[in-house]
């Protein structure tokens, strides 16, 4: 966890930052949403955010697909976390033009997902503002924020957000299929705690 000294340092940085209002056409701040999803939970939240902010949206994809089986995925995620493994991505978004990056990750083994680890390790994030949002099965942020801070020490982390979904892969068979059905029916946002998300979005917009 962050130490008291690190917390005070980040607080001072926040106070010194210029005001920014995402989604405000009169403001020159450029924002991107970059996320990884496997069950589509994080995609659903990312698309809701994109609709609200009008930011550019990028989905990370790995060169090698991850297992569909839940137990196999849990075992692999724990192993990749232990090794600090960064899986190859099909493409790395060009983030040079963006000032603010909303970074979406599912919580894997109580940490960031491995594809997000690859993005953080391979992207130049000096001077960027990172706004993490973490989807989870009830474990909130886990160790995700600590990992993001370690992998992006020259970025400023602000306004982190966590969202727990009612449907969980451990107890819901074929969660990705269920989510895809909701998307096809244009009902995917019903799966979100919309009031909670909108309150967070207001804090980002500076409202």
C-alpha atoms as a PDB file:
ATOM      1  CA  UNK A   1       0.000   0.000   0.000  1.00  0.00           C
ATOM      2  CA  UNK A   2       1.019   3.637  -0.385  1.00  0.00           C
ATOM      3  CA  UNK A   3       3.022   5.061   2.512  1.00  0.00           C
ATOM      4  CA  UNK A   4       1.959   8.285   4.238  1.00  0.00           C
ATOM      5  CA  UNK A   5       4.844  10.105   2.532  1.00  0.00           C
ATOM      6  CA  UNK A   6       3.763   8.847  -0.909  1.00  0.00           C
ATOM      7  CA  UNK A   7       0.160   9.851  -0.203  1.00  0.00           C
ATOM      8  CA  UNK A   8       1.186  13.400   0.756  1.00  0.00           C
ATOM      9  CA  UNK A   9       3.421  13.631  -2.295  1.00  0.00           C
ATOM     10  CA  UNK A  10       0.575  12.615  -4.600  1.00  0.00           C
ATOM     11  CA  UNK A  11      -1.759  15.041  -2.857  1.00  0.00           C
ATOM     12  CA  UNK A  12       0.654  17.913  -3.484  1.00  0.00           C
ATOM     13  CA  UNK A  13       0.941  16.909  -7.139  1.00  0.00           C
ATOM     14  CA  UNK A  14      -2.836  16.870  -7.457  1.00  0.00           C
ATOM     15  CA  UNK A  15      -3.107  20.372  -6.006  1.00  0.00           C
ATOM     16  CA  UNK A  16      -0.468  21.640  -8.415  1.00  0.00           C
ATOM     17  CA  UNK A  17      -2.073  20.147 -11.521  1.00  0.00           C
ATOM     18  CA  UNK A  18      -3.996  22.416 -13.886  1.00  0.00           C
ATOM     19  CA  UNK A  19      -7.759  21.989 -13.959  1.00  0.00           C
ATOM     20  CA  UNK A  20      -8.995  19.591 -16.605  1.00  0.00           C
ATOM     21  CA  UNK A  21     -12.527  18.757 -17.641  1.00  0.00           C
ATOM     22  CA  UNK A  22     -12.881  15.638 -19.737  1.00  0.00           C
ATOM     23  CA  UNK A  23     -15.575  15.795 -22.343  1.00  0.00           C
ATOM     24  CA  UNK A  24     -15.450  19.617 -22.450  1.00  0.00           C
ATOM     25  CA  UNK A  25     -14.881  20.741 -26.039  1.00  0.00           C
ATOM     26  CA  UNK A  26     -13.542  24.083 -24.794  1.00  0.00           C
ATOM     27  CA  UNK A  27     -10.708  22.314 -23.009  1.00  0.00           C
ATOM     28  CA  UNK A  28      -7.603  21.157 -24.868  1.00  0.00           C
ATOM     29  CA  UNK A  29      -6.994  18.088 -22.708  1.00  0.00           C
ATOM     30  CA  UNK A  30      -6.954  14.924 -24.820  1.00  0.00           C
ATOM     31  CA  UNK A  31      -8.211  11.749 -23.226  1.00  0.00           C
ATOM     32  CA  UNK A  32      -8.002   8.080 -24.179  1.00  0.00           C
ATOM     33  CA  UNK A  33      -9.652   5.029 -22.653  1.00  0.00           C
ATOM     34  CA  UNK A  34      -7.429   1.963 -22.827  1.00  0.00           C
ATOM     35  CA  UNK A  35      -8.659  -1.349 -21.458  1.00  0.00           C
ATOM     36  CA  UNK A  36      -8.305  -5.094 -21.512  1.00  0.00           C
ATOM     37  CA  UNK A  37     -11.261  -7.445 -21.191  1.00  0.00           C
ATOM     38  CA  UNK A  38     -11.708 -11.204 -21.175  1.00  0.00           C
ATOM     39  CA  UNK A  39     -15.283 -11.724 -19.969  1.00  0.00           C
ATOM     40  CA  UNK A  40     -16.498  -8.388 -21.433  1.00  0.00           C
ATOM     41  CA  UNK A  41     -17.151  -6.874 -17.989  1.00  0.00           C
ATOM     42  CA  UNK A  42     -14.409  -4.306 -18.433  1.00  0.00           C
ATOM     43  CA  UNK A  43     -15.511  -3.651 -22.014  1.00  0.00           C
ATOM     44  CA  UNK A  44     -19.041  -2.839 -20.872  1.00  0.00           C
ATOM     45  CA  UNK A  45     -17.778  -0.325 -18.316  1.00  0.00           C
ATOM     46  CA  UNK A  46     -15.308   1.138 -20.820  1.00  0.00           C
ATOM     47  CA  UNK A  47     -18.035   1.699 -23.410  1.00  0.00           C
ATOM     48  CA  UNK A  48     -20.250   3.377 -20.825  1.00  0.00           C
ATOM     49  CA  UNK A  49     -17.382   5.731 -19.943  1.00  0.00           C
ATOM     50  CA  UNK A  50     -16.681   6.403 -23.613  1.00  0.00           C
ATOM     51  CA  UNK A  51     -20.308   7.313 -24.231  1.00  0.00           C
ATOM     52  CA  UNK A  52     -20.203   9.765 -21.312  1.00  0.00           C
ATOM     53  CA  UNK A  53     -16.852  11.381 -22.106  1.00  0.00           C
ATOM     54  CA  UNK A  54     -16.515  11.058 -25.860  1.00  0.00           C
ATOM     55  CA  UNK A  55     -12.902   9.939 -25.401  1.00  0.00           C
ATOM     56  CA  UNK A  56     -10.955   7.788 -27.850  1.00  0.00           C
ATOM     57  CA  UNK A  57     -11.275   4.096 -27.049  1.00  0.00           C
ATOM     58  CA  UNK A  58      -8.639   1.358 -27.404  1.00  0.00           C
ATOM     59  CA  UNK A  59      -9.040  -2.333 -26.532  1.00  0.00           C
ATOM     60  CA  UNK A  60      -5.856  -4.316 -25.888  1.00  0.00           C
ATOM     61  CA  UNK A  61      -5.661  -7.773 -27.440  1.00  0.00           C
ATOM     62  CA  UNK A  62      -3.081 -10.450 -26.741  1.00  0.00           C
ATOM     63  CA  UNK A  63      -1.288 -12.382 -29.435  1.00  0.00           C
ATOM     64  CA  UNK A  64      -2.270 -15.641 -27.713  1.00  0.00           C
ATOM     65  CA  UNK A  65      -5.840 -15.980 -26.370  1.00  0.00           C
ATOM     66  CA  UNK A  66      -6.360 -16.784 -22.720  1.00  0.00           C
ATOM     67  CA  UNK A  67      -8.158 -19.972 -21.573  1.00  0.00           C
ATOM     68  CA  UNK A  68     -11.941 -19.946 -21.555  1.00  0.00           C
ATOM     69  CA  UNK A  69     -12.040 -22.259 -18.545  1.00  0.00           C
ATOM     70  CA  UNK A  70     -12.255 -20.359 -15.257  1.00  0.00           C
ATOM     71  CA  UNK A  71     -10.065 -22.664 -13.150  1.00  0.00           C
ATOM     72  CA  UNK A  72      -7.377 -22.818 -15.828  1.00  0.00           C
ATOM     73  CA  UNK A  73      -7.455 -19.026 -16.070  1.00  0.00           C
ATOM     74  CA  UNK A  74      -7.114 -18.578 -12.306  1.00  0.00           C
ATOM     75  CA  UNK A  75      -4.056 -20.835 -12.262  1.00  0.00           C
ATOM     76  CA  UNK A  76      -2.473 -19.060 -15.227  1.00  0.00           C
ATOM     77  CA  UNK A  77      -3.166 -15.584 -13.837  1.00  0.00           C
ATOM     78  CA  UNK A  78      -1.488 -16.468 -10.544  1.00  0.00           C
ATOM     79  CA  UNK A  79       1.546 -17.849 -12.386  1.00  0.00           C
ATOM     80  CA  UNK A  80       1.857 -14.772 -14.610  1.00  0.00           C
ATOM     81  CA  UNK A  81       1.590 -12.503 -11.591  1.00  0.00           C
ATOM     82  CA  UNK A  82       4.338 -14.430  -9.801  1.00  0.00           C
ATOM     83  CA  UNK A  83       6.646 -14.128 -12.806  1.00  0.00           C
ATOM     84  CA  UNK A  84       5.673 -10.547 -13.673  1.00  0.00           C
ATOM     85  CA  UNK A  85       4.885 -11.860 -17.145  1.00  0.00           C
ATOM     86  CA  UNK A  86       4.007  -9.391 -19.904  1.00  0.00           C
ATOM     87  CA  UNK A  87       2.142 -11.174 -22.724  1.00  0.00           C
ATOM     88  CA  UNK A  88       2.762  -9.922 -26.281  1.00  0.00           C
ATOM     89  CA  UNK A  89       0.012  -7.673 -27.591  1.00  0.00           C
ATOM     90  CA  UNK A  90      -1.325  -7.525 -31.146  1.00  0.00           C
ATOM     91  CA  UNK A  91      -0.751  -3.766 -31.088  1.00  0.00           C
ATOM     92  CA  UNK A  92       0.306  -1.092 -28.637  1.00  0.00           C
ATOM     93  CA  UNK A  93      -1.788   2.111 -28.772  1.00  0.00           C
ATOM     94  CA  UNK A  94       0.054   5.296 -29.668  1.00  0.00           C
ATOM     95  CA  UNK A  95      -0.593   7.494 -26.641  1.00  0.00           C
ATOM     96  CA  UNK A  96       1.731  10.379 -27.478  1.00  0.00           C
ATOM     97  CA  UNK A  97      -1.100  12.831 -28.192  1.00  0.00           C
ATOM     98  CA  UNK A  98      -3.042  12.087 -25.000  1.00  0.00           C
ATOM     99  CA  UNK A  99      -2.716  13.945 -21.701  1.00  0.00           C
ATOM    100  CA  UNK A 100      -5.072  11.730 -19.693  1.00  0.00           C
ATOM    101  CA  UNK A 101      -5.433   7.955 -19.960  1.00  0.00           C
ATOM    102  CA  UNK A 102      -8.312   6.113 -18.333  1.00  0.00           C
ATOM    103  CA  UNK A 103      -6.907   2.641 -17.795  1.00  0.00           C
ATOM    104  CA  UNK A 104      -9.336  -0.255 -17.405  1.00  0.00           C
ATOM    105  CA  UNK A 105      -8.340  -3.636 -16.050  1.00  0.00           C
ATOM    106  CA  UNK A 106     -10.055  -6.653 -14.536  1.00  0.00           C
ATOM    107  CA  UNK A 107      -8.604  -7.802 -11.232  1.00  0.00           C
ATOM    108  CA  UNK A 108      -6.552 -10.947 -11.765  1.00  0.00           C
ATOM    109  CA  UNK A 109      -5.179 -12.750  -8.728  1.00  0.00           C
ATOM    110  CA  UNK A 110      -5.875  -9.537  -6.761  1.00  0.00           C
ATOM    111  CA  UNK A 111      -3.743  -7.515  -9.166  1.00  0.00           C
ATOM    112  CA  UNK A 112      -3.767  -5.905 -12.604  1.00  0.00           C
ATOM    113  CA  UNK A 113      -4.316  -8.156 -15.595  1.00  0.00           C
ATOM    114  CA  UNK A 114      -1.206  -9.278 -17.448  1.00  0.00           C
ATOM    115  CA  UNK A 115      -2.051  -7.409 -20.718  1.00  0.00           C
ATOM    116  CA  UNK A 116      -2.309  -4.164 -18.738  1.00  0.00           C
ATOM    117  CA  UNK A 117       1.088  -4.977 -17.237  1.00  0.00           C
ATOM    118  CA  UNK A 118       2.440  -5.175 -20.791  1.00  0.00           C
ATOM    119  CA  UNK A 119       0.926  -1.808 -21.691  1.00  0.00           C
ATOM    120  CA  UNK A 120       2.360  -0.109 -18.611  1.00  0.00           C
ATOM    121  CA  UNK A 121       5.791  -1.670 -19.085  1.00  0.00           C
ATOM    122  CA  UNK A 122       6.077  -0.828 -22.775  1.00  0.00           C
ATOM    123  CA  UNK A 123       4.407   2.599 -23.026  1.00  0.00           C
ATOM    124  CA  UNK A 124       6.086   5.922 -22.365  1.00  0.00           C
ATOM    125  CA  UNK A 125       3.954   7.413 -19.606  1.00  0.00           C
ATOM    126  CA  UNK A 126       6.151  10.265 -18.375  1.00  0.00           C
ATOM    127  CA  UNK A 127       3.978  13.253 -17.552  1.00  0.00           C
ATOM    128  CA  UNK A 128       0.707  11.421 -18.263  1.00  0.00           C
ATOM    129  CA  UNK A 129      -2.271  11.432 -15.928  1.00  0.00           C
ATOM    130  CA  UNK A 130      -3.523   7.890 -15.332  1.00  0.00           C
ATOM    131  CA  UNK A 131      -7.081   7.341 -14.131  1.00  0.00           C
ATOM    132  CA  UNK A 132      -7.396   3.618 -13.325  1.00  0.00           C
ATOM    133  CA  UNK A 133     -10.699   1.781 -13.215  1.00  0.00           C
ATOM    134  CA  UNK A 134     -10.669  -1.764 -11.895  1.00  0.00           C
ATOM    135  CA  UNK A 135     -13.447  -4.312 -12.408  1.00  0.00           C
ATOM    136  CA  UNK A 136     -13.637  -7.035  -9.807  1.00  0.00           C
ATOM    137  CA  UNK A 137     -15.719  -9.751  -8.158  1.00  0.00           C
ATOM    138  CA  UNK A 138     -15.937  -7.988  -4.801  1.00  0.00           C
ATOM    139  CA  UNK A 139     -12.253  -7.495  -3.978  1.00  0.00           C
ATOM    140  CA  UNK A 140     -12.157  -3.755  -4.816  1.00  0.00           C
ATOM    141  CA  UNK A 141      -8.681  -2.605  -5.949  1.00  0.00           C
ATOM    142  CA  UNK A 142      -6.641  -5.467  -4.534  1.00  0.00           C
ATOM    143  CA  UNK A 143      -2.985  -4.637  -5.256  1.00  0.00           C
ATOM    144  CA  UNK A 144      -3.763  -3.073  -8.635  1.00  0.00           C
ATOM    145  CA  UNK A 145      -2.999   0.545  -7.723  1.00  0.00           C
ATOM    146  CA  UNK A 146       0.341  -0.353  -6.158  1.00  0.00           C
ATOM    147  CA  UNK A 147       1.325  -2.257  -9.309  1.00  0.00           C
ATOM    148  CA  UNK A 148       0.284   0.604 -11.582  1.00  0.00           C
ATOM    149  CA  UNK A 149       2.328   3.043  -9.495  1.00  0.00           C
ATOM    150  CA  UNK A 150       5.404   0.794  -9.667  1.00  0.00           C
ATOM    151  CA  UNK A 151       5.129   0.258 -13.432  1.00  0.00           C
ATOM    152  CA  UNK A 152       4.386   3.908 -14.229  1.00  0.00           C
ATOM    153  CA  UNK A 153       6.432   5.894 -11.670  1.00  0.00           C
ATOM    154  CA  UNK A 154       6.636   8.985 -13.891  1.00  0.00           C
ATOM    155  CA  UNK A 155       2.871   9.237 -14.353  1.00  0.00           C
ATOM    156  CA  UNK A 156       0.394  10.815 -11.963  1.00  0.00           C
ATOM    157  CA  UNK A 157      -2.413   8.543 -10.734  1.00  0.00           C
ATOM    158  CA  UNK A 158      -5.726  10.244  -9.952  1.00  0.00           C
ATOM    159  CA  UNK A 159      -9.364   9.407  -9.205  1.00  0.00           C
ATOM    160  CA  UNK A 160      -9.055   5.608  -9.258  1.00  0.00           C
ATOM    161  CA  UNK A 161     -12.364   3.758  -9.459  1.00  0.00           C
ATOM    162  CA  UNK A 162     -13.431   0.181  -8.744  1.00  0.00           C
ATOM    163  CA  UNK A 163     -16.593  -1.580  -9.880  1.00  0.00           C
ATOM    164  CA  UNK A 164     -17.899  -4.961  -8.769  1.00  0.00           C
ATOM    165  CA  UNK A 165     -20.243  -6.848 -11.077  1.00  0.00           C
ATOM    166  CA  UNK A 166     -23.145  -8.921  -9.774  1.00  0.00           C
ATOM    167  CA  UNK A 167     -22.433 -11.743 -12.233  1.00  0.00           C
ATOM    168  CA  UNK A 168     -19.114 -13.398 -11.430  1.00  0.00           C
ATOM    169  CA  UNK A 169     -17.221 -15.847 -13.581  1.00  0.00           C
ATOM    170  CA  UNK A 170     -16.723 -18.229 -10.669  1.00  0.00           C
ATOM    171  CA  UNK A 171     -20.463 -18.707 -10.201  1.00  0.00           C
ATOM    172  CA  UNK A 172     -21.881 -17.780 -13.622  1.00  0.00           C
ATOM    173  CA  UNK A 173     -21.179 -20.279 -16.372  1.00  0.00           C
ATOM    174  CA  UNK A 174     -20.299 -18.766 -19.751  1.00  0.00           C
ATOM    175  CA  UNK A 175     -20.102 -15.227 -18.367  1.00  0.00           C
ATOM    176  CA  UNK A 176     -18.718 -13.892 -21.632  1.00  0.00           C
ATOM    177  CA  UNK A 177     -21.657 -15.388 -23.533  1.00  0.00           C
ATOM    178  CA  UNK A 178     -24.114 -13.880 -21.051  1.00  0.00           C
ATOM    179  CA  UNK A 179     -22.473 -10.479 -21.429  1.00  0.00           C
ATOM    180  CA  UNK A 180     -22.450 -10.770 -25.216  1.00  0.00           C
ATOM    181  CA  UNK A 181     -26.175 -11.510 -25.164  1.00  0.00           C
ATOM    182  CA  UNK A 182     -26.757  -8.337 -23.160  1.00  0.00           C
ATOM    183  CA  UNK A 183     -24.640  -6.353 -25.615  1.00  0.00           C
ATOM    184  CA  UNK A 184     -26.598  -7.751 -28.576  1.00  0.00           C
ATOM    185  CA  UNK A 185     -29.830  -6.703 -26.874  1.00  0.00           C
ATOM    186  CA  UNK A 186     -28.411  -3.230 -26.062  1.00  0.00           C
ATOM    187  CA  UNK A 187     -28.969  -3.985 -22.383  1.00  0.00           C
ATOM    188  CA  UNK A 188     -25.368  -4.254 -21.247  1.00  0.00           C
ATOM    189  CA  UNK A 189     -25.411  -1.062 -19.189  1.00  0.00           C
ATOM    190  CA  UNK A 190     -28.097  -2.597 -16.987  1.00  0.00           C
ATOM    191  CA  UNK A 191     -25.249  -4.659 -15.513  1.00  0.00           C
ATOM    192  CA  UNK A 192     -23.547  -1.531 -14.148  1.00  0.00           C
ATOM    193  CA  UNK A 193     -24.025   0.317 -10.890  1.00  0.00           C
ATOM    194  CA  UNK A 194     -24.799   3.382 -12.967  1.00  0.00           C
ATOM    195  CA  UNK A 195     -25.208   5.867 -10.116  1.00  0.00           C
ATOM    196  CA  UNK A 196     -21.813   4.902  -8.752  1.00  0.00           C
ATOM    197  CA  UNK A 197     -20.190   5.205 -12.171  1.00  0.00           C
ATOM    198  CA  UNK A 198     -21.821   8.571 -12.885  1.00  0.00           C
ATOM    199  CA  UNK A 199     -20.684   9.985  -9.539  1.00  0.00           C
ATOM    200  CA  UNK A 200     -17.122   9.017 -10.405  1.00  0.00           C
ATOM    201  CA  UNK A 201     -17.450  10.490 -13.896  1.00  0.00           C
ATOM    202  CA  UNK A 202     -18.550  13.799 -12.392  1.00  0.00           C
ATOM    203  CA  UNK A 203     -15.385  13.878 -10.301  1.00  0.00           C
ATOM    204  CA  UNK A 204     -13.348  13.344 -13.457  1.00  0.00           C
ATOM    205  CA  UNK A 205     -15.157  16.048 -15.364  1.00  0.00           C
ATOM    206  CA  UNK A 206     -14.530  18.468 -12.541  1.00  0.00           C
ATOM    207  CA  UNK A 207     -18.264  19.028 -12.028  1.00  0.00           C
END
